[in-house]
Protein backbone atom coordinates (compact mmCIF):
# COMPACT_ATOMS: atom_id res chain seq x y z
CA MET A 1 27.68 -38.19 14.48
CA ASP A 2 25.03 -41.28 14.14
CA ILE A 3 25.18 -41.70 10.41
CA THR A 4 21.41 -43.29 10.45
CA ARG A 5 20.05 -40.27 12.56
CA THR A 6 22.05 -37.74 10.23
CA LEU A 7 20.43 -39.46 7.14
CA ALA A 8 17.07 -39.73 8.20
CA GLN A 9 17.35 -35.74 9.25
CA LEU A 10 18.74 -35.16 5.69
CA LYS A 11 15.97 -36.93 3.78
CA GLN A 12 13.30 -34.68 5.90
CA ASP A 13 14.73 -31.79 3.79
CA PRO A 14 12.16 -30.38 1.62
CA GLY A 15 14.28 -30.29 -1.35
CA PHE A 16 15.80 -33.69 -0.74
CA ALA A 17 14.06 -36.37 -2.99
CA LYS A 18 13.82 -33.76 -5.84
CA ASN A 19 17.26 -33.31 -5.90
CA VAL A 20 19.23 -36.26 -4.64
CA GLY A 21 19.97 -39.47 -6.28
CA MET A 22 23.31 -40.43 -4.15
CA VAL A 23 24.86 -39.91 -0.90
CA LEU A 24 28.27 -40.69 -0.32
CA ILE A 25 29.47 -41.18 3.29
CA HIS A 26 33.32 -41.00 4.73
CA ASN A 27 33.81 -42.08 8.46
CA GLY A 28 37.43 -42.01 9.08
CA ILE A 29 38.94 -44.45 11.57
CA VAL A 30 42.16 -44.08 14.11
CA ARG A 31 44.62 -46.47 12.62
CA ALA A 32 46.81 -48.35 14.77
CA TRP A 33 49.64 -48.10 12.71
CA SER A 34 51.36 -44.79 11.09
CA ARG A 35 50.80 -44.66 7.38
CA LYS A 36 54.00 -43.00 7.15
CA ASP A 37 56.08 -46.15 8.41
CA GLY A 38 53.60 -48.80 9.48
CA SER A 39 54.74 -48.92 13.16
CA PRO A 40 52.17 -49.24 16.05
CA VAL A 41 50.35 -46.10 17.03
CA SER A 42 48.53 -46.02 20.61
CA SER A 43 46.84 -42.83 20.00
CA ILE A 44 46.65 -39.76 18.41
CA ASP A 45 46.12 -35.91 19.22
CA VAL A 46 43.75 -34.19 16.57
CA THR A 47 43.18 -30.57 16.30
CA PRO A 48 40.67 -29.88 13.87
CA ASP A 49 40.63 -26.20 11.80
CA LEU A 50 36.56 -26.18 12.26
CA ASP A 51 36.53 -22.56 10.60
CA ARG A 52 38.66 -23.77 7.44
CA ILE A 53 36.44 -26.96 7.39
CA GLU A 54 33.52 -24.82 7.38
CA ALA A 55 35.01 -22.36 4.60
CA LEU A 56 35.88 -25.92 2.42
CA ARG A 57 32.22 -27.59 3.54
CA ARG A 58 30.64 -24.17 2.06
CA GLU A 59 32.89 -24.26 -1.31
CA TYR A 60 32.15 -27.79 -2.39
CA GLU A 61 28.53 -27.72 -1.50
CA LYS A 62 28.12 -25.01 -4.25
CA LYS A 63 29.42 -27.54 -6.76
CA PRO A 64 27.12 -28.58 -9.65
CA GLY A 65 24.79 -31.21 -8.89
CA ILE A 66 25.56 -31.00 -4.93
CA TYR A 67 22.39 -30.69 -2.41
CA LYS A 68 24.26 -30.61 0.54
CA VAL A 69 27.37 -31.49 2.21
CA LEU A 70 27.96 -31.93 6.13
CA VAL A 71 31.15 -32.58 7.97
CA GLU A 72 31.79 -33.74 11.69
CA ALA A 73 35.80 -33.61 12.47
CA CYS A 74 36.55 -34.93 16.20
CA SER A 75 39.19 -33.60 18.29
CA GLY A 76 41.53 -34.44 21.18
CA ARG A 77 43.54 -37.37 22.27
CA LEU A 78 41.81 -40.23 20.14
CA GLN A 79 42.55 -43.90 20.18
CA PRO A 80 42.61 -46.59 17.38
CA GLY A 81 39.16 -47.30 15.94
CA ASP A 82 37.83 -43.98 17.22
CA ASP A 83 36.09 -42.34 14.62
CA LEU A 84 38.02 -39.15 13.34
CA LEU A 85 36.37 -37.56 10.27
CA PHE A 86 32.51 -38.07 8.98
CA ILE A 87 31.69 -36.45 5.63
CA ILE A 88 28.44 -36.63 4.22
CA VAL A 89 27.92 -35.55 0.27
CA ALA A 90 24.61 -35.54 -1.11
CA GLY A 91 23.74 -34.99 -4.83
CA ASP A 92 22.24 -35.59 -7.72
CA ILE A 93 24.37 -38.31 -9.95
CA ARG A 94 27.78 -40.13 -9.21
CA GLU A 95 29.83 -37.95 -11.66
CA ASN A 96 28.93 -34.85 -9.40
CA VAL A 97 28.99 -36.84 -6.10
CA LYS A 98 32.06 -38.87 -6.30
CA PRO A 99 34.71 -36.30 -6.95
CA VAL A 100 33.55 -33.80 -4.35
CA LEU A 101 33.88 -36.59 -1.67
CA ALA A 102 37.52 -37.35 -2.64
CA GLU A 103 38.68 -33.74 -3.21
CA LEU A 104 36.86 -32.36 -0.40
CA LEU A 105 38.27 -34.77 1.85
CA ASP A 106 42.07 -34.66 0.73
CA ARG A 107 41.34 -30.82 0.94
CA ILE A 108 40.41 -31.23 4.70
CA LYS A 109 43.08 -33.62 5.43
CA ALA A 110 46.18 -31.32 3.99
CA GLU A 111 44.58 -27.93 5.07
CA ALA A 112 42.19 -28.43 7.74
CA VAL A 113 43.60 -31.02 10.55
CA ILE A 114 46.66 -31.35 12.50
CA LYS A 115 47.73 -34.87 14.04
CA THR A 116 50.28 -36.19 16.31
CA GLU A 117 50.88 -39.81 16.72
CA HIS A 118 51.78 -41.11 19.80
CA ARG A 119 53.47 -44.53 20.05
């Protein structure tokens, strides 16, 4: 995802200026170390469940104050430093936007992404 281009396109939506006071972005990156034990990671295999991600995206887009939720999950063999997951949440005020980004991220990671680390 090209974040600059995606934000520019989002701002062109007819209701954007009327409904959005905050945009939060998550850009998950492949780490060079394992979260489990800190050991080195040379690559990871990622398999996102795109249907589940879309269902979660739709669910969270219906939350109060949320204007738009965009998600892009990468797949295949990825190297440290590669982009892994993008989430954009646009909404009215931070009290609505911040928890949606945090909850959606946690649920996508728990329910819709399988990662296998290679050392």
